């Protein structure tokens, strides 16, 4: 399973590397478009959002494991003791 995840991560990294050069982050103020960042600089501007998404994913996995995995293990132990 880990090999498939690593392969998927490699595909996502390849896609990011090929598409990030065409990205442009701009702000519109009074009808004027002001460029904030282009290409790889977009990632530097958006790093707080990326970090929040990463930590939110980790938090979700930990909550799921905390709530559902112990219940599944306790059911297994109950069936083995009978």
PDB file of N, CA and C in Angstrom:
ATOM      1  N   UNK A   1       0.820  -1.190   0.000  1.00  0.00           N
ATOM      2  CA  UNK A   1       0.000   0.000   0.000  1.00  0.00           C
ATOM      3  C   UNK A   1       0.869   1.261   0.000  1.00  0.00           C
ATOM      4  N   UNK A   2       1.961   1.239   0.763  1.00  0.00           N
ATOM      5  CA  UNK A   2       2.846   2.407   0.824  1.00  0.00           C
ATOM      6  C   UNK A   2       3.469   2.702  -0.530  1.00  0.00           C
ATOM      7  N   UNK A   3       3.751   1.661  -1.304  1.00  0.00           N
ATOM      8  CA  UNK A   3       4.345   1.868  -2.623  1.00  0.00           C
ATOM      9  C   UNK A   3       3.362   2.592  -3.532  1.00  0.00           C
ATOM     10  N   UNK A   4       2.071   2.238  -3.446  1.00  0.00           N
ATOM     11  CA  UNK A   4       1.068   2.925  -4.254  1.00  0.00           C
ATOM     12  C   UNK A   4       0.935   4.392  -3.842  1.00  0.00           C
ATOM     13  N   UNK A   5       0.994   4.651  -2.551  1.00  0.00           N
ATOM     14  CA  UNK A   5       0.909   6.031  -2.067  1.00  0.00           C
ATOM     15  C   UNK A   5       2.121   6.829  -2.540  1.00  0.00           C
ATOM     16  N   UNK A   6       3.308   6.238  -2.453  1.00  0.00           N
ATOM     17  CA  UNK A   6       4.515   6.928  -2.937  1.00  0.00           C
ATOM     18  C   UNK A   6       4.446   7.185  -4.438  1.00  0.00           C
ATOM     19  N   UNK A   7       3.922   6.233  -5.188  1.00  0.00           N
ATOM     20  CA  UNK A   7       3.755   6.426  -6.628  1.00  0.00           C
ATOM     21  C   UNK A   7       2.781   7.550  -6.933  1.00  0.00           C
ATOM     22  N   UNK A   8       1.681   7.610  -6.186  1.00  0.00           N
ATOM     23  CA  UNK A   8       0.699   8.678  -6.368  1.00  0.00           C
ATOM     24  C   UNK A   8       1.304  10.032  -6.001  1.00  0.00           C
ATOM     25  N   UNK A   9       2.111  10.057  -4.941  1.00  0.00           N
ATOM     26  CA  UNK A   9       2.784  11.300  -4.557  1.00  0.00           C
ATOM     27  C   UNK A   9       3.762  11.742  -5.638  1.00  0.00           C
ATOM     28  N   UNK A  10       4.448  10.801  -6.267  1.00  0.00           N
ATOM     29  CA  UNK A  10       5.371  11.142  -7.349  1.00  0.00           C
ATOM     30  C   UNK A  10       4.616  11.721  -8.539  1.00  0.00           C
ATOM     31  N   UNK A  11       3.465  11.152  -8.863  1.00  0.00           N
ATOM     32  CA  UNK A  11       2.651  11.703  -9.947  1.00  0.00           C
ATOM     33  C   UNK A  11       2.173  13.118  -9.626  1.00  0.00           C
ATOM     34  N   UNK A  12       1.752  13.343  -8.389  1.00  0.00           N
ATOM     35  CA  UNK A  12       1.304  14.673  -7.988  1.00  0.00           C
ATOM     36  C   UNK A  12       2.448  15.680  -8.038  1.00  0.00           C
ATOM     37  N   UNK A  13       3.632  15.269  -7.626  1.00  0.00           N
ATOM     38  CA  UNK A  13       4.794  16.159  -7.680  1.00  0.00           C
ATOM     39  C   UNK A  13       5.144  16.498  -9.118  1.00  0.00           C
ATOM     40  N   UNK A  14       5.096  15.515  -9.996  1.00  0.00           N
ATOM     41  CA  UNK A  14       5.368  15.764 -11.415  1.00  0.00           C
ATOM     42  C   UNK A  14       4.351  16.752 -11.984  1.00  0.00           C
ATOM     43  N   UNK A  15       3.074  16.557 -11.653  1.00  0.00           N
ATOM     44  CA  UNK A  15       2.026  17.462 -12.134  1.00  0.00           C
ATOM     45  C   UNK A  15       2.248  18.876 -11.597  1.00  0.00           C
ATOM     46  N   UNK A  16       2.625  18.987 -10.324  1.00  0.00           N
ATOM     47  CA  UNK A  16       2.887  20.298  -9.734  1.00  0.00           C
ATOM     48  C   UNK A  16       4.045  20.992 -10.451  1.00  0.00           C
ATOM     49  N   UNK A  17       5.103  20.244 -10.712  1.00  0.00           N
ATOM     50  CA  UNK A  17       6.288  20.838 -11.342  1.00  0.00           C
ATOM     51  C   UNK A  17       5.993  21.308 -12.760  1.00  0.00           C
ATOM     52  N   UNK A  18       5.090  20.623 -13.464  1.00  0.00           N
ATOM     53  CA  UNK A  18       4.789  21.022 -14.838  1.00  0.00           C
ATOM     54  C   UNK A  18       3.761  22.146 -14.901  1.00  0.00           C
ATOM     55  N   UNK A  19       2.928  22.301 -13.888  1.00  0.00           N
ATOM     56  CA  UNK A  19       1.860  23.295 -13.974  1.00  0.00           C
ATOM     57  C   UNK A  19       2.086  24.547 -13.136  1.00  0.00           C
ATOM     58  N   UNK A  20       3.066  24.534 -12.242  1.00  0.00           N
ATOM     59  CA  UNK A  20       3.226  25.661 -11.331  1.00  0.00           C
ATOM     60  C   UNK A  20       3.763  26.907 -12.037  1.00  0.00           C
ATOM     61  N   UNK A  21       4.466  26.761 -13.123  1.00  0.00           N
ATOM     62  CA  UNK A  21       5.030  27.919 -13.827  1.00  0.00           C
ATOM     63  C   UNK A  21       3.945  28.817 -14.421  1.00  0.00           C
ATOM     64  N   UNK A  22       2.772  28.249 -14.709  1.00  0.00           N
ATOM     65  CA  UNK A  22       1.715  29.046 -15.322  1.00  0.00           C
ATOM     66  C   UNK A  22       0.803  29.714 -14.284  1.00  0.00           C
ATOM     67  N   UNK A  23       1.078  29.512 -13.002  1.00  0.00           N
ATOM     68  CA  UNK A  23       0.221  30.093 -11.963  1.00  0.00           C
ATOM     69  C   UNK A  23       0.562  31.563 -11.737  1.00  0.00           C
ATOM     70  N   UNK A  24      -0.468  32.336 -11.435  1.00  0.00           N
ATOM     71  CA  UNK A  24      -0.282  33.754 -11.114  1.00  0.00           C
ATOM     72  C   UNK A  24      -1.298  34.127 -10.041  1.00  0.00           C
ATOM     73  N   UNK A  25      -0.817  34.708  -8.968  1.00  0.00           N
ATOM     74  CA  UNK A  25      -1.671  35.171  -7.878  1.00  0.00           C
ATOM     75  C   UNK A  25      -1.786  36.681  -7.985  1.00  0.00           C
ATOM     76  N   UNK A  26      -3.033  37.171  -8.097  1.00  0.00           N
ATOM     77  CA  UNK A  26      -3.246  38.605  -8.281  1.00  0.00           C
ATOM     78  C   UNK A  26      -4.369  39.076  -7.372  1.00  0.00           C
ATOM     79  N   UNK A  27      -4.349  40.355  -7.082  1.00  0.00           N
ATOM     80  CA  UNK A  27      -5.371  40.983  -6.262  1.00  0.00           C
ATOM     81  C   UNK A  27      -5.993  42.118  -7.072  1.00  0.00           C
ATOM     82  N   UNK A  28      -7.315  42.252  -6.976  1.00  0.00           N
ATOM     83  CA  UNK A  28      -8.009  43.318  -7.697  1.00  0.00           C
ATOM     84  C   UNK A  28      -8.371  44.412  -6.700  1.00  0.00           C
ATOM     85  N   UNK A  29      -7.872  45.623  -6.945  1.00  0.00           N
ATOM     86  CA  UNK A  29      -8.142  46.776  -6.088  1.00  0.00           C
ATOM     87  C   UNK A  29      -8.686  47.891  -6.976  1.00  0.00           C
ATOM     88  N   UNK A  30      -9.913  48.275  -6.736  1.00  0.00           N
ATOM     89  CA  UNK A  30     -10.565  49.350  -7.505  1.00  0.00           C
ATOM     90  C   UNK A  30     -10.487  49.107  -9.010  1.00  0.00           C
ATOM     91  N   UNK A  31     -10.676  47.878  -9.413  1.00  0.00           N
ATOM     92  CA  UNK A  31     -10.659  47.541 -10.825  1.00  0.00           C
ATOM     93  C   UNK A  31      -9.276  47.321 -11.404  1.00  0.00           C
ATOM     94  N   UNK A  32      -8.233  47.570 -10.637  1.00  0.00           N
ATOM     95  CA  UNK A  32      -6.862  47.330 -11.101  1.00  0.00           C
ATOM     96  C   UNK A  32      -6.375  45.969 -10.612  1.00  0.00           C
ATOM     97  N   UNK A  33      -5.757  45.225 -11.483  1.00  0.00           N
ATOM     98  CA  UNK A  33      -5.216  43.920 -11.125  1.00  0.00           C
ATOM     99  C   UNK A  33      -3.748  44.083 -10.750  1.00  0.00           C
ATOM    100  N   UNK A  34      -3.440  43.760  -9.505  1.00  0.00           N
ATOM    101  CA  UNK A  34      -2.067  43.862  -9.013  1.00  0.00           C
ATOM    102  C   UNK A  34      -1.495  42.466  -8.830  1.00  0.00           C
ATOM    103  N   UNK A  35      -0.446  42.107  -9.561  1.00  0.00           N
ATOM    104  CA  UNK A  35       0.149  40.776  -9.382  1.00  0.00           C
ATOM    105  C   UNK A  35       0.881  40.678  -8.040  1.00  0.00           C
ATOM    106  N   UNK A  36       0.610  39.609  -7.322  1.00  0.00           N
ATOM    107  CA  UNK A  36       1.281  39.376  -6.046  1.00  0.00           C
ATOM    108  C   UNK A  36       2.440  38.396  -6.184  1.00  0.00           C
ATOM    109  N   UNK A  37       2.229  37.363  -6.992  1.00  0.00           N
ATOM    110  CA  UNK A  37       3.273  36.350  -7.161  1.00  0.00           C
ATOM    111  C   UNK A  37       3.042  35.604  -8.472  1.00  0.00           C
ATOM    112  N   UNK A  38       4.120  35.082  -9.024  1.00  0.00           N
ATOM    113  CA  UNK A  38       4.051  34.290 -10.251  1.00  0.00           C
ATOM    114  C   UNK A  38       4.905  33.045 -10.097  1.00  0.00           C
ATOM    115  N   UNK A  39       4.480  31.965 -10.708  1.00  0.00           N
ATOM    116  CA  UNK A  39       5.246  30.724 -10.712  1.00  0.00           C
ATOM    117  C   UNK A  39       5.436  30.143  -9.320  1.00  0.00           C
ATOM    118  N   UNK A  40       6.678  29.810  -8.994  1.00  0.00           N
ATOM    119  CA  UNK A  40       6.981  29.177  -7.714  1.00  0.00           C
ATOM    120  C   UNK A  40       6.781  30.125  -6.530  1.00  0.00           C
ATOM    121  N   UNK A  41       6.774  31.425  -6.777  1.00  0.00           N
ATOM    122  CA  UNK A  41       6.551  32.383  -5.695  1.00  0.00           C
ATOM    123  C   UNK A  41       5.145  32.271  -5.110  1.00  0.00           C
ATOM    124  N   UNK A  42       4.205  31.698  -5.863  1.00  0.00           N
ATOM    125  CA  UNK A  42       2.839  31.505  -5.359  1.00  0.00           C
ATOM    126  C   UNK A  42       2.864  30.592  -4.137  1.00  0.00           C
ATOM    127  N   UNK A  43       3.706  29.568  -4.173  1.00  0.00           N
ATOM    128  CA  UNK A  43       3.784  28.646  -3.035  1.00  0.00           C
ATOM    129  C   UNK A  43       4.318  29.340  -1.789  1.00  0.00           C
ATOM    130  N   UNK A  44       5.226  30.283  -1.981  1.00  0.00           N
ATOM    131  CA  UNK A  44       5.760  31.020  -0.836  1.00  0.00           C
ATOM    132  C   UNK A  44       4.698  31.925  -0.213  1.00  0.00           C
ATOM    133  N   UNK A  45       3.803  32.449  -1.028  1.00  0.00           N
ATOM    134  CA  UNK A  45       2.735  33.305  -0.518  1.00  0.00           C
ATOM    135  C   UNK A  45       1.658  32.478   0.181  1.00  0.00           C
ATOM    136  N   UNK A  46       1.396  31.291  -0.345  1.00  0.00           N
ATOM    137  CA  UNK A  46       0.297  30.472   0.176  1.00  0.00           C
ATOM    138  C   UNK A  46       0.739  29.420   1.189  1.00  0.00           C
ATOM    139  N   UNK A  47       1.955  29.499   1.725  1.00  0.00           N
ATOM    140  CA  UNK A  47       2.422  28.453   2.630  1.00  0.00           C
ATOM    141  C   UNK A  47       1.555  28.304   3.883  1.00  0.00           C
ATOM    142  N   UNK A  48       0.958  29.352   4.446  1.00  0.00           N
ATOM    143  CA  UNK A  48       0.093  29.117   5.611  1.00  0.00           C
ATOM    144  C   UNK A  48      -1.123  28.250   5.266  1.00  0.00           C
ATOM    145  N   UNK A  49      -1.701  28.447   4.090  1.00  0.00           N
ATOM    146  CA  UNK A  49      -2.850  27.630   3.685  1.00  0.00           C
ATOM    147  C   UNK A  49      -2.421  26.182   3.450  1.00  0.00           C
ATOM    148  N   UNK A  50      -1.239  25.994   2.865  1.00  0.00           N
ATOM    149  CA  UNK A  50      -0.741  24.643   2.632  1.00  0.00           C
ATOM    150  C   UNK A  50      -0.450  23.934   3.961  1.00  0.00           C
ATOM    151  N   UNK A  51       0.139  24.649   4.902  1.00  0.00           N
ATOM    152  CA  UNK A  51       0.427  24.060   6.209  1.00  0.00           C
ATOM    153  C   UNK A  51      -0.862  23.739   6.950  1.00  0.00           C
ATOM    154  N   UNK A  52      -1.855  24.613   6.858  1.00  0.00           N
ATOM    155  CA  UNK A  52      -3.141  24.358   7.507  1.00  0.00           C
ATOM    156  C   UNK A  52      -3.802  23.111   6.930  1.00  0.00           C
ATOM    157  N   UNK A  53      -3.769  22.951   5.622  1.00  0.00           N
ATOM    158  CA  UNK A  53      -4.343  21.760   4.988  1.00  0.00           C
ATOM    159  C   UNK A  53      -3.612  20.497   5.422  1.00  0.00           C
ATOM    160  N   UNK A  54      -2.293  20.557   5.482  1.00  0.00           N
ATOM    161  CA  UNK A  54      -1.497  19.406   5.899  1.00  0.00           C
ATOM    162  C   UNK A  54      -1.824  19.004   7.339  1.00  0.00           C
ATOM    163  N   UNK A  55      -1.834  19.984   8.235  1.00  0.00           N
ATOM    164  CA  UNK A  55      -2.129  19.687   9.639  1.00  0.00           C
ATOM    165  C   UNK A  55      -3.581  19.250   9.826  1.00  0.00           C
ATOM    166  N   UNK A  56      -4.488  19.791   9.030  1.00  0.00           N
ATOM    167  CA  UNK A  56      -5.878  19.345   9.090  1.00  0.00           C
ATOM    168  C   UNK A  56      -6.023  17.888   8.668  1.00  0.00           C
ATOM    169  N   UNK A  57      -5.262  17.468   7.660  1.00  0.00           N
ATOM    170  CA  UNK A  57      -5.287  16.065   7.242  1.00  0.00           C
ATOM    171  C   UNK A  57      -4.741  15.144   8.318  1.00  0.00           C
ATOM    172  N   UNK A  58      -3.647  15.543   8.946  1.00  0.00           N
ATOM    173  CA  UNK A  58      -3.082  14.733  10.037  1.00  0.00           C
ATOM    174  C   UNK A  58      -4.062  14.639  11.196  1.00  0.00           C
ATOM    175  N   UNK A  59      -4.686  15.767  11.554  1.00  0.00           N
ATOM    176  CA  UNK A  59      -5.656  15.792  12.640  1.00  0.00           C
ATOM    177  C   UNK A  59      -6.842  14.877  12.336  1.00  0.00           C
ATOM    178  N   UNK A  60      -7.316  14.901  11.099  1.00  0.00           N
ATOM    179  CA  UNK A  60      -8.443  14.037  10.715  1.00  0.00           C
ATOM    180  C   UNK A  60      -8.091  12.564  10.862  1.00  0.00           C
ATOM    181  N   UNK A  61      -6.905  12.186  10.416  1.00  0.00           N
ATOM    182  CA  UNK A  61      -6.483  10.779  10.537  1.00  0.00           C
ATOM    183  C   UNK A  61      -6.379  10.383  12.005  1.00  0.00           C
ATOM    184  N   UNK A  62      -5.812  11.244  12.832  1.00  0.00           N
ATOM    185  CA  UNK A  62      -5.686  10.922  14.256  1.00  0.00           C
ATOM    186  C   UNK A  62      -7.051  10.794  14.933  1.00  0.00           C
ATOM    187  N   UNK A  63      -7.993  11.664  14.602  1.00  0.00           N
ATOM    188  CA  UNK A  63      -9.333  11.577  15.185  1.00  0.00           C
ATOM    189  C   UNK A  63     -10.028  10.299  14.739  1.00  0.00           C
ATOM    190  N   UNK A  64      -9.912   9.964  13.465  1.00  0.00           N
ATOM    191  CA  UNK A  64     -10.531   8.731  12.966  1.00  0.00           C
ATOM    192  C   UNK A  64      -9.943   7.515  13.670  1.00  0.00           C
ATOM    193  N   UNK A  65      -8.630   7.494  13.836  1.00  0.00           N
ATOM    194  CA  UNK A  65      -7.998   6.357  14.519  1.00  0.00           C
ATOM    195  C   UNK A  65      -8.396   6.309  15.984  1.00  0.00           C
ATOM    196  N   UNK A  66      -8.547   7.458  16.605  1.00  0.00           N
ATOM    197  CA  UNK A  66      -8.919   7.508  18.026  1.00  0.00           C
ATOM    198  C   UNK A  66     -10.344   7.013  18.231  1.00  0.00           C
ATOM    199  N   UNK A  67     -11.259   7.348  17.325  1.00  0.00           N
ATOM    200  CA  UNK A  67     -12.667   7.015  17.512  1.00  0.00           C
ATOM    201  C   UNK A  67     -13.040   5.628  17.013  1.00  0.00           C
ATOM    202  N   UNK A  68     -12.492   5.193  15.875  1.00  0.00           N
ATOM    203  CA  UNK A  68     -12.955   3.957  15.268  1.00  0.00           C
ATOM    204  C   UNK A  68     -12.055   2.754  15.500  1.00  0.00           C
ATOM    205  N   UNK A  69     -10.770   2.924  15.564  1.00  0.00           N
ATOM    206  CA  UNK A  69      -9.877   1.773  15.707  1.00  0.00           C
ATOM    207  C   UNK A  69     -10.036   1.080  17.063  1.00  0.00           C
ATOM    208  N   UNK A  70     -10.120   1.792  18.188  1.00  0.00           N
ATOM    209  CA  UNK A  70     -10.307   1.073  19.455  1.00  0.00           C
ATOM    210  C   UNK A  70     -11.607   0.277  19.504  1.00  0.00           C
ATOM    211  N   UNK A  71     -12.676   0.763  18.886  1.00  0.00           N
ATOM    212  CA  UNK A  71     -13.933   0.020  18.861  1.00  0.00           C
ATOM    213  C   UNK A  71     -13.779  -1.280  18.086  1.00  0.00           C
ATOM    214  N   UNK A  72     -13.081  -1.237  16.976  1.00  0.00           N
ATOM    215  CA  UNK A  72     -12.873  -2.432  16.172  1.00  0.00           C
ATOM    216  C   UNK A  72     -12.000  -3.433  16.922  1.00  0.00           C
ATOM    217  N   UNK A  73     -10.989  -2.959  17.644  1.00  0.00           N
ATOM    218  CA  UNK A  73     -10.132  -3.854  18.398  1.00  0.00           C
ATOM    219  C   UNK A  73     -10.878  -4.480  19.567  1.00  0.00           C
ATOM    220  N   UNK A  74     -11.747  -3.720  20.230  1.00  0.00           N
ATOM    221  CA  UNK A  74     -12.488  -4.281  21.363  1.00  0.00           C
ATOM    222  C   UNK A  74     -13.491  -5.329  20.893  1.00  0.00           C
ATOM    223  N   UNK A  75     -14.083  -5.166  19.712  1.00  0.00           N
ATOM    224  CA  UNK A  75     -14.982  -6.175  19.174  1.00  0.00           C
ATOM    225  C   UNK A  75     -14.229  -7.448  18.831  1.00  0.00           C
ATOM    226  N   UNK A  76     -13.009  -7.313  18.344  1.00  0.00           N
ATOM    227  CA  UNK A  76     -12.192  -8.473  18.010  1.00  0.00           C
ATOM    228  C   UNK A  76     -11.814  -9.235  19.283  1.00  0.00           C
ATOM    229  N   UNK A  77     -11.476  -8.529  20.324  1.00  0.00           N
ATOM    230  CA  UNK A  77     -11.100  -9.159  21.574  1.00  0.00           C
ATOM    231  C   UNK A  77     -12.300  -9.879  22.202  1.00  0.00           C
ATOM    232  N   UNK A  78     -13.496  -9.281  22.109  1.00  0.00           N
ATOM    233  CA  UNK A  78     -14.694  -9.903  22.652  1.00  0.00           C
ATOM    234  C   UNK A  78     -15.032 -11.198  21.918  1.00  0.00           C
ATOM    235  N   UNK A  79     -14.901 -11.208  20.588  1.00  0.00           N
ATOM    236  CA  UNK A  79     -15.211 -12.408  19.828  1.00  0.00           C
ATOM    237  C   UNK A  79     -14.170 -13.501  20.058  1.00  0.00           C
ATOM    238  N   UNK A  80     -12.916 -13.143  20.293  1.00  0.00           N
ATOM    239  CA  UNK A  80     -11.881 -14.141  20.553  1.00  0.00           C
ATOM    240  C   UNK A  80     -12.049 -14.763  21.939  1.00  0.00           C
ATOM    241  N   UNK A  81     -12.568 -14.009  22.911  1.00  0.00           N
ATOM    242  CA  UNK A  81     -12.706 -14.540  24.265  1.00  0.00           C
ATOM    243  C   UNK A  81     -13.895 -15.485  24.388  1.00  0.00           C
ATOM    244  N   UNK A  82     -14.847 -15.426  23.457  1.00  0.00           N
ATOM    245  CA  UNK A  82     -16.015 -16.316  23.509  1.00  0.00           C
ATOM    246  C   UNK A  82     -15.639 -17.627  22.989  1.00  0.00           C
TER     247      UNK A  82
END
